[in-house]
Amino acid sequence: MAKRLIYVGQDDDLSDLAGKVQAAAPGDEIALAVPPGAQAFQTALNLRLLRSVATKRGLTTTIVCPDPRIQEVARS
């Protein structure tokens, strides 16, 4: 099991991120470094879909972001 850091671009959409997450090996621990205001992290639905992709691959995910709004959406 490896640890992996994925940088999220400001304009990355959900399909971009799903592809990055799917590239991780099953069982990896991934941290998503999210810039403030990142488009893909504006709704709880997007985060649930991304979590679903990670769960199906057996990944553990962490979101690292200084934006309090994104932190709150990630917690929900």
C-alpha atoms as a PDB file:
ATOM      1  CA  MET A   1       0.000   0.000   0.000  1.00  0.00           C
ATOM      2  CA  ALA A   2       1.529   3.280  -1.160  1.00  0.00           C
ATOM      3  CA  LYS A   3       0.812   6.858  -0.200  1.00  0.00           C
ATOM      4  CA  ARG A   4       0.064   9.145  -3.090  1.00  0.00           C
ATOM      5  CA  LEU A   5      -0.513  12.902  -3.431  1.00  0.00           C
ATOM      6  CA  ILE A   6      -2.835  14.134  -6.174  1.00  0.00           C
ATOM      7  CA  TYR A   7      -2.857  17.821  -7.019  1.00  0.00           C
ATOM      8  CA  VAL A   8      -6.294  19.076  -8.035  1.00  0.00           C
ATOM      9  CA  GLY A   9      -6.342  21.834 -10.626  1.00  0.00           C
ATOM     10  CA  GLN A  10      -8.580  24.854 -10.136  1.00  0.00           C
ATOM     11  CA  ASP A  11     -10.599  23.933 -13.221  1.00  0.00           C
ATOM     12  CA  ASP A  12     -10.419  20.117 -13.004  1.00  0.00           C
ATOM     13  CA  ASP A  13     -13.855  18.610 -13.438  1.00  0.00           C
ATOM     14  CA  LEU A  14     -15.164  15.454 -11.836  1.00  0.00           C
ATOM     15  CA  SER A  15     -14.149  13.201 -14.734  1.00  0.00           C
ATOM     16  CA  ASP A  16     -10.551  14.540 -14.585  1.00  0.00           C
ATOM     17  CA  LEU A  17     -10.366  13.730 -10.885  1.00  0.00           C
ATOM     18  CA  ALA A  18     -12.007  10.324 -11.267  1.00  0.00           C
ATOM     19  CA  GLY A  19      -9.315   9.443 -13.801  1.00  0.00           C
ATOM     20  CA  LYS A  20      -6.557  10.553 -11.429  1.00  0.00           C
ATOM     21  CA  VAL A  21      -8.069   8.540  -8.573  1.00  0.00           C
ATOM     22  CA  GLN A  22      -8.541   5.459 -10.750  1.00  0.00           C
ATOM     23  CA  ALA A  23      -4.853   5.615 -11.703  1.00  0.00           C
ATOM     24  CA  ALA A  24      -3.934   4.816  -8.086  1.00  0.00           C
ATOM     25  CA  ALA A  25      -3.253   1.195  -7.219  1.00  0.00           C
ATOM     26  CA  PRO A  26      -5.936  -0.623  -5.226  1.00  0.00           C
ATOM     27  CA  GLY A  27      -5.362  -0.155  -1.510  1.00  0.00           C
ATOM     28  CA  ASP A  28      -3.339   3.049  -1.840  1.00  0.00           C
ATOM     29  CA  GLU A  29      -3.790   5.983   0.503  1.00  0.00           C
ATOM     30  CA  ILE A  30      -4.334   9.148  -1.498  1.00  0.00           C
ATOM     31  CA  ALA A  31      -4.371  12.784  -0.435  1.00  0.00           C
ATOM     32  CA  LEU A  32      -6.090  15.287  -2.695  1.00  0.00           C
ATOM     33  CA  ALA A  33      -4.451  18.726  -2.500  1.00  0.00           C
ATOM     34  CA  VAL A  34      -7.316  21.055  -3.385  1.00  0.00           C
ATOM     35  CA  PRO A  35      -6.884  24.783  -4.126  1.00  0.00           C
ATOM     36  CA  PRO A  36      -9.445  27.217  -2.703  1.00  0.00           C
ATOM     37  CA  GLY A  37     -12.508  27.500  -4.926  1.00  0.00           C
ATOM     38  CA  ALA A  38     -11.779  24.338  -6.935  1.00  0.00           C
ATOM     39  CA  GLN A  39     -14.757  23.759  -9.229  1.00  0.00           C
ATOM     40  CA  ALA A  40     -15.064  19.999  -8.678  1.00  0.00           C
ATOM     41  CA  PHE A  41     -15.370  20.454  -4.903  1.00  0.00           C
ATOM     42  CA  GLN A  42     -18.276  22.910  -4.853  1.00  0.00           C
ATOM     43  CA  THR A  43     -21.045  20.342  -4.279  1.00  0.00           C
ATOM     44  CA  ALA A  44     -21.468  17.425  -1.908  1.00  0.00           C
ATOM     45  CA  LEU A  45     -22.722  15.309  -4.829  1.00  0.00           C
ATOM     46  CA  ASN A  46     -19.374  15.610  -6.619  1.00  0.00           C
ATOM     47  CA  LEU A  47     -17.539  14.560  -3.482  1.00  0.00           C
ATOM     48  CA  ARG A  48     -19.845  11.575  -2.969  1.00  0.00           C
ATOM     49  CA  LEU A  49     -19.239  10.459  -6.549  1.00  0.00           C
ATOM     50  CA  LEU A  50     -15.487  10.815  -6.115  1.00  0.00           C
ATOM     51  CA  ARG A  51     -15.639   8.881  -2.834  1.00  0.00           C
ATOM     52  CA  SER A  52     -17.575   6.143  -4.628  1.00  0.00           C
ATOM     53  CA  VAL A  53     -14.825   5.827  -7.242  1.00  0.00           C
ATOM     54  CA  ALA A  54     -12.166   5.654  -4.504  1.00  0.00           C
ATOM     55  CA  THR A  55     -14.120   3.120  -2.427  1.00  0.00           C
ATOM     56  CA  LYS A  56     -14.582   0.804  -5.397  1.00  0.00           C
ATOM     57  CA  ARG A  57     -10.790   0.822  -5.848  1.00  0.00           C
ATOM     58  CA  GLY A  58     -10.202   0.177  -2.132  1.00  0.00           C
ATOM     59  CA  LEU A  59      -8.536   3.549  -1.646  1.00  0.00           C
ATOM     60  CA  THR A  60      -8.315   5.626   1.500  1.00  0.00           C
ATOM     61  CA  THR A  61      -8.709   9.325   0.736  1.00  0.00           C
ATOM     62  CA  THR A  62      -7.903  12.561   2.508  1.00  0.00           C
ATOM     63  CA  ILE A  63      -8.719  16.059   1.296  1.00  0.00           C
ATOM     64  CA  VAL A  64      -6.255  18.830   2.086  1.00  0.00           C
ATOM     65  CA  CYS A  65      -7.627  22.319   1.460  1.00  0.00           C
ATOM     66  CA  PRO A  66      -7.372  25.708   3.176  1.00  0.00           C
ATOM     67  CA  ASP A  67     -10.861  26.758   1.951  1.00  0.00           C
ATOM     68  CA  PRO A  68     -13.345  26.437   4.866  1.00  0.00           C
ATOM     69  CA  ARG A  69     -16.301  25.981   2.499  1.00  0.00           C
ATOM     70  CA  ILE A  70     -14.664  23.035   0.752  1.00  0.00           C
ATOM     71  CA  GLN A  71     -13.685  21.575   4.129  1.00  0.00           C
ATOM     72  CA  GLU A  72     -17.320  21.729   5.219  1.00  0.00           C
ATOM     73  CA  VAL A  73     -18.590  20.149   1.990  1.00  0.00           C
ATOM     74  CA  ALA A  74     -15.991  17.385   2.371  1.00  0.00           C
ATOM     75  CA  ARG A  75     -17.139  16.650   5.926  1.00  0.00           C
ATOM     76  CA  SER A  76     -20.791  16.317   4.904  1.00  0.00           C
END
